Amino acid sequence: MPLGTLDRTPPPFFRQGPSALTKLAVFSALAIFLMAADSRLKYTQPIRAVLATALLPVQRALLVPVELVEGGSDYFIGLQRAIAGERDARAKLVAQAERAARIEQLTAENARLRALLDLRPALLVKSRTAEVLYEATDPYSRKLFIDRGAAAGVKPGSPVINDSGVLGQVTRVYPLTSEVTLLADKDAAIPVLNPRTQQRSAAFGAGGGDTMELRFMAGNADVQEGDLLLTSGVDGVYPPGLSVATVTKVDRKVESGFARISLVANAKADGVRHVLVLDPLGAQMPPRPEPEPEAKPARRGSKR
């Protein structure tokens, strides 16, 4: 066979195209062009939308086993929590029913005792609900504003409470809003009663957070950490028996005649949204008798 008739082209396996450097440059330029076109001209957006729509059933099908496992575990965990919550709710319901029965019995007994002793009936406190609008921006005071004012019957001095106890007192009344000074304010004060010792005192705001303090207490006063303080009702403003604060620290100094007693308000102002505004007790109490005028002493003298 003549040599000129032989096929000198290499087999496909050994056939080489452009160099690797040329391929790198071409594909790099193509990638940069596609990125620029996608970011500026949004050419690939329709393609991406079509691919996402086409692959959505596949994705959902692949997620089905994962969702079944997670849903099954969440179901059993939720079922256990629901059973535990129902058990706790039933226990609380029984306790509340027992407490309600005792309260009804004590109320009836109180009414019988008042009738037996010929005492005037207990005062019925009128109340109205209100929503907290915002807290005052003054960093040196603890005040907030509610959405009830003179048009709703709110009066200056009205106590403001929530489900945890006394929050404060209405200090300014506007036609549609009112300003409430919290118990932690440095200018706030409230008479309290220690139900453990039946000792009365006055609690004052400390001006920061929810802290308060019990002032003018003797160094040997029977006050312990954890004592609950309630409203005494002797001021004619707050109804008796409302929760006020809890004793957190008692510092008995030998060199001083008074004890330094720190409190924390039971009703926290942070996060509260709805409150109850009570009418002052003084509006329902009989008026105080006016002091009798003093008799002028007769002049002593002799007529000549």
Protein backbone atom coordinates (compact mmCIF):
# COMPACT_ATOMS: atom_id res chain seq x y z
CA MET A 1 0.00 0.00 0.00
CA PRO A 2 1.48 3.35 -0.92
CA LEU A 3 2.30 5.61 1.96
CA GLY A 4 0.29 8.45 0.47
CA THR A 5 -2.96 6.54 0.88
CA LEU A 6 -2.63 6.15 4.68
CA ASP A 7 -4.98 8.21 6.92
CA ARG A 8 -2.66 10.31 9.06
CA THR A 9 -5.40 12.02 11.16
CA PRO A 10 -5.31 11.07 14.90
CA PRO A 11 -8.13 9.03 16.40
CA PRO A 12 -10.94 10.95 18.16
CA PHE A 13 -9.54 10.03 21.56
CA PHE A 14 -6.22 11.68 20.88
CA ARG A 15 -7.64 14.57 18.92
CA GLN A 16 -6.97 17.88 20.70
CA GLY A 17 -9.01 21.06 20.31
CA PRO A 18 -8.17 24.51 21.65
CA SER A 19 -5.73 24.74 24.51
CA ALA A 20 -6.87 24.70 28.10
CA LEU A 21 -5.93 28.35 28.55
CA THR A 22 -8.10 29.30 25.58
CA LYS A 23 -11.04 27.36 26.99
CA LEU A 24 -10.60 29.04 30.38
CA ALA A 25 -10.59 32.48 28.83
CA VAL A 26 -13.67 31.77 26.66
CA PHE A 27 -15.76 30.29 29.47
CA SER A 28 -14.68 33.01 31.89
CA ALA A 29 -15.77 35.67 29.44
CA LEU A 30 -19.05 33.82 28.87
CA ALA A 31 -19.68 33.60 32.62
CA ILE A 32 -18.96 37.31 33.11
CA PHE A 33 -21.27 38.16 30.22
CA LEU A 34 -24.08 36.02 31.65
CA MET A 35 -23.68 37.55 35.11
CA ALA A 36 -23.73 41.08 33.71
CA ALA A 37 -26.71 40.31 31.51
CA ASP A 38 -28.59 38.74 34.41
CA SER A 39 -27.92 41.63 36.80
CA ARG A 40 -28.56 44.44 34.34
CA LEU A 41 -30.89 43.12 31.66
CA LYS A 42 -32.57 40.25 33.55
CA TYR A 43 -32.15 37.86 30.62
CA THR A 44 -32.09 34.73 32.74
CA GLN A 45 -35.10 35.66 34.87
CA PRO A 46 -37.66 33.94 32.59
CA ILE A 47 -35.42 30.87 32.37
CA ARG A 48 -35.06 30.75 36.12
CA ALA A 49 -38.82 31.10 36.56
CA VAL A 50 -39.49 28.25 34.13
CA LEU A 51 -36.94 26.01 35.84
CA ALA A 52 -38.32 26.83 39.28
CA THR A 53 -41.85 26.03 38.14
CA ALA A 54 -40.77 22.79 36.53
CA LEU A 55 -38.71 21.64 39.54
CA LEU A 56 -41.31 22.60 42.15
CA PRO A 57 -43.17 19.25 42.04
CA VAL A 58 -39.86 17.42 42.37
CA GLN A 59 -38.88 19.53 45.36
CA ARG A 60 -42.25 19.00 47.04
CA ALA A 61 -42.05 15.28 46.41
CA LEU A 62 -38.58 15.11 47.97
CA LEU A 63 -39.76 17.14 50.99
CA VAL A 64 -42.71 14.86 51.73
CA PRO A 65 -40.72 12.32 53.81
CA VAL A 66 -39.01 15.12 55.76
CA GLU A 67 -42.34 16.82 56.48
CA LEU A 68 -43.87 13.52 57.56
CA VAL A 69 -41.08 12.88 60.05
CA GLU A 70 -41.10 16.44 61.43
CA GLY A 71 -44.91 16.61 61.48
CA GLY A 72 -45.19 13.27 63.25
CA SER A 73 -42.71 14.27 65.95
CA ASP A 74 -44.40 17.68 66.39
CA TYR A 75 -47.78 15.98 66.61
CA PHE A 76 -46.73 13.65 69.40
CA ILE A 77 -44.93 16.45 71.27
CA GLY A 78 -47.96 18.72 70.89
CA LEU A 79 -50.25 15.93 72.03
CA GLN A 80 -48.21 15.39 75.19
CA ARG A 81 -48.17 19.12 75.88
CA ALA A 82 -51.91 19.36 75.32
CA ILE A 83 -52.55 16.50 77.74
CA ALA A 84 -50.26 18.10 80.35
CA GLY A 85 -51.91 21.50 79.80
CA GLU A 86 -55.37 20.00 80.20
CA ARG A 87 -54.30 18.31 83.42
CA ASP A 88 -52.91 21.58 84.80
CA ALA A 89 -56.02 23.48 83.69
CA ARG A 90 -58.28 20.99 85.43
CA ALA A 91 -56.23 21.28 88.64
CA LYS A 92 -56.37 25.09 88.48
CA LEU A 93 -60.10 24.97 87.79
CA VAL A 94 -60.67 22.83 90.86
CA ALA A 95 -58.55 25.18 92.98
CA GLN A 96 -60.38 28.23 91.64
CA ALA A 97 -63.75 26.61 92.28
CA GLU A 98 -62.72 25.87 95.85
CA ARG A 99 -61.44 29.43 96.27
CA ALA A 100 -64.63 30.89 94.80
CA ALA A 101 -66.71 28.85 97.23
CA ARG A 102 -64.61 30.12 100.14
CA ILE A 103 -64.90 33.71 98.89
CA GLU A 104 -68.68 33.43 98.64
CA GLN A 105 -68.83 31.97 102.13
CA LEU A 106 -66.58 34.70 103.53
CA THR A 107 -68.57 37.41 101.76
CA ALA A 108 -71.83 36.16 103.22
CA GLU A 109 -70.22 35.84 106.66
CA ASN A 110 -68.83 39.38 106.38
CA ALA A 111 -72.27 40.73 105.49
CA ARG A 112 -73.85 38.94 108.46
CA LEU A 113 -71.19 40.24 110.83
CA ARG A 114 -71.59 43.80 109.55
CA ALA A 115 -75.34 43.56 109.99
CA LEU A 116 -74.89 42.11 113.49
CA LEU A 117 -72.49 44.88 114.50
CA ASP A 118 -74.60 47.52 112.78
CA LEU A 119 -71.71 48.60 110.54
CA ARG A 120 -72.18 50.37 107.25
CA PRO A 121 -71.92 48.11 104.17
CA ALA A 122 -68.56 47.69 102.52
CA LEU A 123 -67.79 50.20 99.82
CA LEU A 124 -68.35 49.07 96.24
CA VAL A 125 -65.53 50.27 94.04
CA LYS A 126 -66.52 51.41 90.57
CA SER A 127 -64.04 50.72 87.80
CA ARG A 128 -63.47 51.26 84.09
CA THR A 129 -61.05 49.65 81.67
CA ALA A 130 -58.36 51.60 79.84
CA GLU A 131 -55.53 50.94 77.41
CA VAL A 132 -51.99 52.20 77.82
CA LEU A 133 -51.05 54.59 75.03
CA TYR A 134 -47.38 55.23 75.73
CA GLU A 135 -44.90 55.86 78.52
CA ALA A 136 -43.62 59.34 79.29
CA THR A 137 -40.24 60.18 77.77
CA ASP A 138 -38.97 61.92 80.90
CA PRO A 139 -36.04 59.78 82.13
CA TYR A 140 -36.38 61.13 85.68
CA SER A 141 -39.98 60.03 86.23
CA ARG A 142 -42.09 56.90 85.82
CA LYS A 143 -45.35 57.90 84.16
CA LEU A 144 -47.59 56.57 81.41
CA PHE A 145 -50.69 57.76 79.56
CA ILE A 146 -53.99 55.90 79.16
CA ASP A 147 -56.82 56.40 76.67
CA ARG A 148 -59.47 57.40 79.23
CA GLY A 149 -59.99 60.91 80.50
CA ALA A 150 -62.58 63.25 81.96
CA ALA A 151 -65.05 62.29 79.22
CA ALA A 152 -64.99 58.70 80.53
CA GLY A 153 -65.41 59.75 84.16
CA VAL A 154 -61.78 59.42 85.26
CA LYS A 155 -60.99 61.59 88.28
CA PRO A 156 -57.66 62.85 89.63
CA GLY A 157 -56.30 60.52 92.28
CA SER A 158 -57.96 57.41 90.86
CA PRO A 159 -56.01 54.18 91.54
CA VAL A 160 -54.80 52.24 88.47
CA ILE A 161 -54.36 48.48 88.80
CA ASN A 162 -53.85 45.37 86.68
CA ASP A 163 -54.02 41.66 87.40
CA SER A 164 -50.81 41.78 89.49
CA GLY A 165 -51.71 44.67 91.77
CA VAL A 166 -51.47 48.44 91.99
CA LEU A 167 -49.67 50.18 89.14
CA GLY A 168 -50.03 53.78 90.21
CA GLN A 169 -52.38 56.70 90.51
CA VAL A 170 -53.94 59.18 88.08
CA THR A 171 -52.25 62.54 88.63
CA ARG A 172 -53.50 64.56 85.66
CA VAL A 173 -56.74 64.24 83.74
CA TYR A 174 -57.29 65.55 80.23
CA PRO A 175 -60.53 65.37 78.21
CA LEU A 176 -59.60 62.13 76.40
CA THR A 177 -56.43 60.91 78.14
CA SER A 178 -54.98 60.73 81.64
CA GLU A 179 -51.50 60.71 83.11
CA VAL A 180 -50.67 57.92 85.56
CA THR A 181 -47.78 58.19 87.99
CA LEU A 182 -46.36 54.75 88.72
CA LEU A 183 -45.53 53.53 92.21
CA ALA A 184 -41.83 53.43 91.35
CA ASP A 185 -41.77 57.17 90.65
CA LYS A 186 -39.61 59.13 93.09
CA ASP A 187 -42.58 61.33 94.06
CA ALA A 188 -45.04 58.47 94.58
CA ALA A 189 -46.17 57.19 97.99
CA ILE A 190 -48.79 54.70 99.11
CA PRO A 191 -49.90 53.48 102.56
CA VAL A 192 -49.37 49.74 102.96
CA LEU A 193 -50.17 46.98 105.42
CA ASN A 194 -48.09 43.93 106.25
CA PRO A 195 -50.70 41.16 106.67
CA ARG A 196 -48.22 38.99 108.56
CA THR A 197 -47.76 41.50 111.38
CA GLN A 198 -50.75 43.83 110.75
CA GLN A 199 -48.29 46.73 110.81
CA ARG A 200 -49.03 49.84 108.77
CA SER A 201 -46.42 51.93 107.03
CA ALA A 202 -45.79 53.94 103.87
CA ALA A 203 -44.00 52.80 100.72
CA PHE A 204 -42.22 55.31 98.50
CA GLY A 205 -40.94 55.07 94.94
CA ALA A 206 -37.19 54.79 94.44
CA GLY A 207 -37.21 56.37 90.97
CA GLY A 208 -35.68 53.48 89.01
CA GLY A 209 -37.14 50.34 87.48
CA ASP A 210 -39.84 48.79 89.68
CA THR A 211 -38.00 49.40 92.96
CA MET A 212 -39.53 51.00 96.02
CA GLU A 213 -38.56 51.46 99.65
CA LEU A 214 -40.18 51.40 103.05
CA ARG A 215 -39.23 54.50 104.97
CA PHE A 216 -39.39 55.56 108.60
CA MET A 217 -39.30 51.99 109.92
CA ALA A 218 -37.49 51.32 113.18
CA GLY A 219 -34.35 49.25 113.05
CA ASN A 220 -35.95 46.49 115.10
CA ALA A 221 -39.22 46.48 113.11
CA ASP A 222 -40.67 43.06 112.36
CA VAL A 223 -40.10 43.06 108.59
CA GLN A 224 -38.66 40.08 106.72
CA GLU A 225 -37.58 39.42 103.17
CA GLY A 226 -40.46 38.03 101.15
CA ASP A 227 -43.19 39.84 103.10
CA LEU A 228 -46.12 40.83 100.90
CA LEU A 229 -47.40 44.37 101.35
CA LEU A 230 -51.04 45.26 100.62
CA THR A 231 -52.95 48.52 100.51
CA SER A 232 -54.21 49.49 103.96
CA GLY A 233 -57.16 51.58 102.74
CA VAL A 234 -56.70 54.25 105.43
CA ASP A 235 -55.94 57.02 102.92
CA GLY A 236 -59.40 57.02 101.34
CA VAL A 237 -57.91 56.47 97.88
CA TYR A 238 -56.90 52.83 97.44
CA PRO A 239 -59.27 50.00 98.36
CA PRO A 240 -57.80 47.75 101.09
CA GLY A 241 -56.26 44.41 100.24
CA LEU A 242 -54.67 45.21 96.85
CA SER A 243 -51.21 43.81 96.19
CA VAL A 244 -48.51 46.52 96.22
CA ALA A 245 -44.96 45.22 96.66
CA THR A 246 -42.73 42.50 98.10
CA VAL A 247 -39.84 43.05 100.51
CA THR A 248 -36.55 42.15 98.82
CA LYS A 249 -33.91 43.37 101.27
CA VAL A 250 -33.80 44.51 104.91
CA ASP A 251 -30.68 46.40 106.02
CA ARG A 252 -30.64 47.00 109.77
CA LYS A 253 -27.89 49.49 110.58
CA VAL A 254 -26.75 49.74 114.17
CA GLU A 255 -25.65 53.36 113.90
CA SER A 256 -29.01 54.45 112.51
CA GLY A 257 -32.37 54.32 114.22
CA PHE A 258 -34.17 53.33 111.01
CA ALA A 259 -33.93 50.25 108.79
CA ARG A 260 -33.34 50.47 105.07
CA ILE A 261 -36.00 48.26 103.48
CA SER A 262 -36.04 47.69 99.71
CA LEU A 263 -39.15 46.62 97.83
CA VAL A 264 -40.10 45.57 94.34
CA ALA A 265 -43.50 46.47 92.92
CA ASN A 266 -45.64 43.43 92.15
CA ALA A 267 -47.34 45.09 89.17
CA LYS A 268 -44.70 45.56 86.48
CA ALA A 269 -45.24 48.50 84.12
CA ASP A 270 -43.16 47.00 81.30
CA GLY A 271 -45.33 45.28 78.73
CA VAL A 272 -48.67 46.18 80.30
CA ARG A 273 -51.36 47.05 77.75
CA HIS A 274 -54.68 47.11 79.60
CA VAL A 275 -55.39 48.48 83.06
CA LEU A 276 -58.33 49.07 85.36
CA VAL A 277 -59.06 52.56 86.70
CA LEU A 278 -60.87 52.62 90.06
CA ASP A 279 -62.79 55.47 91.58
CA PRO A 280 -61.16 56.87 94.74
CA LEU A 281 -62.76 55.62 97.93
CA GLY A 282 -63.06 59.19 99.18
CA ALA A 283 -65.83 59.83 96.66
CA GLN A 284 -68.01 57.20 98.41
CA MET A 285 -67.11 57.98 102.00
CA PRO A 286 -69.17 60.38 104.11
CA PRO A 287 -67.77 63.90 104.25
CA ARG A 288 -65.44 64.70 107.09
CA PRO A 289 -66.96 66.80 109.82
CA GLU A 290 -65.80 70.35 109.80
CA PRO A 291 -63.86 71.42 112.88
CA GLU A 292 -65.91 73.36 115.34
CA PRO A 293 -64.89 76.98 115.70
CA GLU A 294 -63.04 77.69 118.89
CA ALA A 295 -64.90 79.81 121.42
CA LYS A 296 -63.28 83.15 121.98
CA PRO A 297 -62.19 83.62 125.57
CA ALA A 298 -64.13 86.27 127.45
CA ARG A 299 -62.23 89.41 128.22
CA ARG A 300 -61.61 90.00 131.83
CA GLY A 301 -61.95 93.50 133.05
CA SER A 302 -63.72 95.66 135.61
CA LYS A 303 -66.04 98.51 134.87
CA ARG A 304 -65.30 101.71 136.59
